[in-house]
Amino acid sequence: MAEHSAQYRAHEELEGHHRRHRISREPDPRNVAEPSEAERRARASKALEMVGLDVGLLDRLPGRISGGQRQRVAIARALVPEPKLLICDEPVSALDAANRAAILRLLRRLRDETETSMVVISHDLPSMPGFADRVAVLCEGVVVEDRPTRELFADPRHPYTRLLLGAAPAPSPTSQEFQYVT
């Protein structure tokens, strides 16, 4: 039996000449039989629709999609095997403000609709109130704070937490992006 890796490298398929339907090319670690080309295309189409992208992107080359679309493709690719846990490493770090907000809304919606747990690794602490119910702050590989989001933002105790909160402009407390998770 072939060894199946549950690790999906989102950007590998975005380089070179690969077309979008390859987002579901990796074998599903839950199944021994590899899906047919038609099954892969159907799974890729469903994943693209879940992230709000047109199925027409399946035949588009990577150089013909925007940064926001690339991020959505990467998320779609990660959703193909229907994971219970999705680890998002800096999911909005290279995006402009509009795409950053859109991707965070998308991740929040997907979390709720698919019941997928998510661990978000981010230096963009001000983006977390509308997304995370709990925040852990690491400094040099050590957890220095781990508290519910509302508590951490109301009273940051560690100097590094205060530094992170002060490093980026915070959204307006009245904006939709700043509503705490309850």
Protein backbone atom coordinates (compact mmCIF):
# COMPACT_ATOMS: atom_id res chain seq x y z
CA MET A 1 0.00 0.00 0.00
CA ALA A 2 1.35 3.43 -0.93
CA GLU A 3 2.09 5.86 1.84
CA HIS A 4 -0.37 8.78 1.82
CA SER A 5 0.62 12.16 3.17
CA ALA A 6 -2.03 14.28 4.87
CA GLN A 7 0.22 17.30 4.49
CA TYR A 8 -0.92 19.57 1.68
CA ARG A 9 1.52 22.09 0.29
CA ALA A 10 -0.79 24.82 -0.98
CA HIS A 11 1.65 26.82 -3.06
CA GLU A 12 3.42 23.93 -4.83
CA GLU A 13 0.57 23.53 -7.29
CA LEU A 14 0.34 27.29 -7.81
CA GLU A 15 3.74 27.41 -9.47
CA GLY A 16 4.61 26.48 -13.01
CA HIS A 17 2.12 25.21 -15.56
CA HIS A 18 -0.34 23.32 -13.34
CA ARG A 19 -4.00 24.12 -13.80
CA ARG A 20 -6.51 24.55 -10.97
CA HIS A 21 -8.16 21.11 -11.07
CA ARG A 22 -4.93 19.72 -9.71
CA ILE A 23 -5.84 21.11 -6.29
CA SER A 24 -7.35 17.73 -5.45
CA ARG A 25 -4.60 15.58 -6.98
CA GLU A 26 -3.20 14.39 -3.64
CA PRO A 27 -4.67 11.04 -2.56
CA ASP A 28 -7.20 11.21 0.23
CA PRO A 29 -5.49 9.55 3.22
CA ARG A 30 -8.85 7.98 4.19
CA ASN A 31 -9.15 6.08 0.89
CA VAL A 32 -6.85 3.55 -0.73
CA ALA A 33 -8.28 3.99 -4.24
CA GLU A 34 -7.18 7.15 -6.03
CA PRO A 35 -10.10 9.17 -7.43
CA SER A 36 -10.65 9.35 -11.18
CA GLU A 37 -9.97 12.54 -13.14
CA ALA A 38 -13.73 13.28 -13.16
CA GLU A 39 -13.94 12.79 -9.39
CA ARG A 40 -10.92 15.03 -8.84
CA ARG A 41 -12.44 17.73 -11.02
CA ALA A 42 -15.76 17.48 -9.17
CA ARG A 43 -14.03 17.73 -5.77
CA ALA A 44 -11.95 20.68 -6.97
CA SER A 45 -15.09 22.40 -8.33
CA LYS A 46 -16.91 21.93 -5.03
CA ALA A 47 -13.94 23.28 -3.06
CA LEU A 48 -13.65 26.33 -5.32
CA GLU A 49 -17.35 27.04 -4.89
CA MET A 50 -16.97 26.75 -1.10
CA VAL A 51 -14.40 29.56 -1.15
CA GLY A 52 -16.43 31.74 -3.49
CA LEU A 53 -14.46 31.21 -6.68
CA ASP A 54 -15.83 30.47 -10.13
CA VAL A 55 -15.29 26.93 -11.37
CA GLY A 56 -13.82 28.52 -14.51
CA LEU A 57 -10.60 28.97 -12.55
CA LEU A 58 -9.99 25.24 -12.92
CA ASP A 59 -8.59 25.84 -16.38
CA ARG A 60 -6.73 29.06 -15.63
CA LEU A 61 -2.97 29.17 -15.23
CA PRO A 62 -1.58 30.33 -11.85
CA GLY A 63 -0.13 33.52 -13.32
CA ARG A 64 -3.63 34.56 -14.38
CA ILE A 65 -5.14 34.78 -10.90
CA SER A 66 -4.84 37.51 -8.28
CA GLY A 67 -3.25 37.24 -4.83
CA GLY A 68 -6.65 37.04 -3.16
CA GLN A 69 -7.71 34.31 -5.59
CA ARG A 70 -4.46 32.43 -4.92
CA GLN A 71 -5.18 32.48 -1.20
CA ARG A 72 -8.71 31.17 -1.83
CA VAL A 73 -7.31 28.42 -4.08
CA ALA A 74 -4.89 27.44 -1.30
CA ILE A 75 -7.79 27.29 1.18
CA ALA A 76 -9.89 25.28 -1.28
CA ARG A 77 -7.05 22.84 -1.75
CA ALA A 78 -6.76 22.37 2.00
CA LEU A 79 -10.52 21.69 2.26
CA VAL A 80 -10.61 18.91 -0.38
CA PRO A 81 -9.85 16.09 2.10
CA GLU A 82 -12.49 17.48 4.54
CA PRO A 83 -10.10 17.96 7.48
CA LYS A 84 -11.26 18.21 11.07
CA LEU A 85 -8.40 20.61 11.79
CA LEU A 86 -7.03 23.26 9.46
CA ILE A 87 -3.78 25.01 10.35
CA CYS A 88 -3.57 28.46 8.75
CA ASP A 89 -0.04 29.85 8.84
CA GLU A 90 -0.17 33.62 8.20
CA PRO A 91 -3.27 33.33 5.98
CA VAL A 92 -3.55 37.09 5.41
CA SER A 93 0.02 38.37 5.77
CA ALA A 94 0.67 39.12 2.08
CA LEU A 95 -2.78 40.56 1.32
CA ASP A 96 -4.09 44.10 1.13
CA ALA A 97 -6.67 45.28 3.68
CA ALA A 98 -9.71 44.42 1.54
CA ASN A 99 -8.50 40.90 0.75
CA ARG A 100 -7.36 40.42 4.37
CA ALA A 101 -10.87 41.16 5.65
CA ALA A 102 -12.45 38.98 2.95
CA ILE A 103 -10.21 35.99 3.72
CA LEU A 104 -10.88 36.26 7.46
CA ARG A 105 -14.65 36.38 6.79
CA LEU A 106 -14.27 33.36 4.50
CA LEU A 107 -12.32 31.38 7.11
CA ARG A 108 -14.88 32.27 9.78
CA ARG A 109 -17.75 31.15 7.50
CA LEU A 110 -15.97 27.91 6.55
CA ARG A 111 -15.20 27.18 10.20
CA ASP A 112 -18.88 27.52 11.06
CA GLU A 113 -20.31 25.72 8.00
CA THR A 114 -17.89 22.80 7.91
CA GLU A 115 -17.36 22.47 11.67
CA THR A 116 -13.63 22.48 10.96
CA SER A 117 -11.44 23.57 13.85
CA MET A 118 -8.77 26.08 12.90
CA VAL A 119 -5.46 27.09 14.38
CA VAL A 120 -4.38 30.44 12.97
CA ILE A 121 -0.75 31.45 13.23
CA SER A 122 -0.48 35.20 12.75
CA HIS A 123 1.48 38.28 13.69
CA ASP A 124 -1.64 40.30 12.84
CA LEU A 125 -3.11 40.23 16.34
CA PRO A 126 -5.63 43.04 15.66
CA SER A 127 -7.38 40.75 13.12
CA MET A 128 -8.11 38.06 15.70
CA PRO A 129 -11.07 39.47 17.71
CA GLY A 130 -13.50 38.80 14.88
CA PHE A 131 -12.05 35.38 14.22
CA ALA A 132 -10.59 33.64 17.26
CA ASP A 133 -12.28 32.75 20.52
CA ARG A 134 -8.90 32.22 22.17
CA VAL A 135 -5.43 33.66 21.51
CA ALA A 136 -2.05 32.32 22.55
CA VAL A 137 0.90 34.70 22.19
CA LEU A 138 4.34 33.19 21.69
CA CYS A 139 7.57 35.06 22.27
CA GLU A 140 10.77 33.28 21.19
CA GLY A 141 8.89 29.97 21.06
CA VAL A 142 7.40 30.27 24.55
CA VAL A 143 3.71 30.89 25.25
CA VAL A 144 3.60 34.12 27.24
CA GLU A 145 -0.19 34.56 27.23
CA ASP A 146 -3.05 32.18 26.48
CA ARG A 147 -6.47 33.59 27.22
CA PRO A 148 -9.89 34.20 25.72
CA THR A 149 -9.63 36.86 23.01
CA ARG A 150 -11.81 39.42 24.76
CA GLU A 151 -9.75 39.21 27.97
CA LEU A 152 -6.43 39.39 26.17
CA PHE A 153 -7.43 42.49 24.20
CA ALA A 154 -8.97 44.21 27.22
CA ASP A 155 -5.92 43.65 29.42
CA PRO A 156 -2.75 42.49 27.62
CA ARG A 157 -0.39 41.42 30.38
CA HIS A 158 2.85 40.58 28.63
CA PRO A 159 5.03 43.31 27.04
CA TYR A 160 5.26 41.33 23.78
CA THR A 161 1.47 41.12 23.56
CA ARG A 162 1.26 44.89 24.01
CA LEU A 163 3.94 45.32 21.34
CA LEU A 164 2.01 43.16 18.85
CA LEU A 165 -1.21 45.01 19.56
CA GLY A 166 0.49 48.37 19.06
CA ALA A 167 2.41 47.36 15.91
CA ALA A 168 -0.55 47.30 13.51
CA PRO A 169 -3.44 49.70 13.13
CA ALA A 170 -6.46 48.27 14.89
CA PRO A 171 -9.83 48.23 13.14
CA SER A 172 -12.52 50.50 14.49
CA PRO A 173 -14.33 48.83 17.41
CA THR A 174 -17.61 49.51 15.59
CA SER A 175 -16.55 47.73 12.39
CA GLN A 176 -17.80 44.25 11.60
CA GLU A 177 -14.24 42.97 11.58
CA PHE A 178 -13.81 43.76 15.29
CA GLN A 179 -16.85 41.96 16.67
CA TYR A 180 -15.74 39.44 19.27
CA VAL A 181 -16.56 35.78 18.90
CA THR A 182 -19.07 34.78 21.54
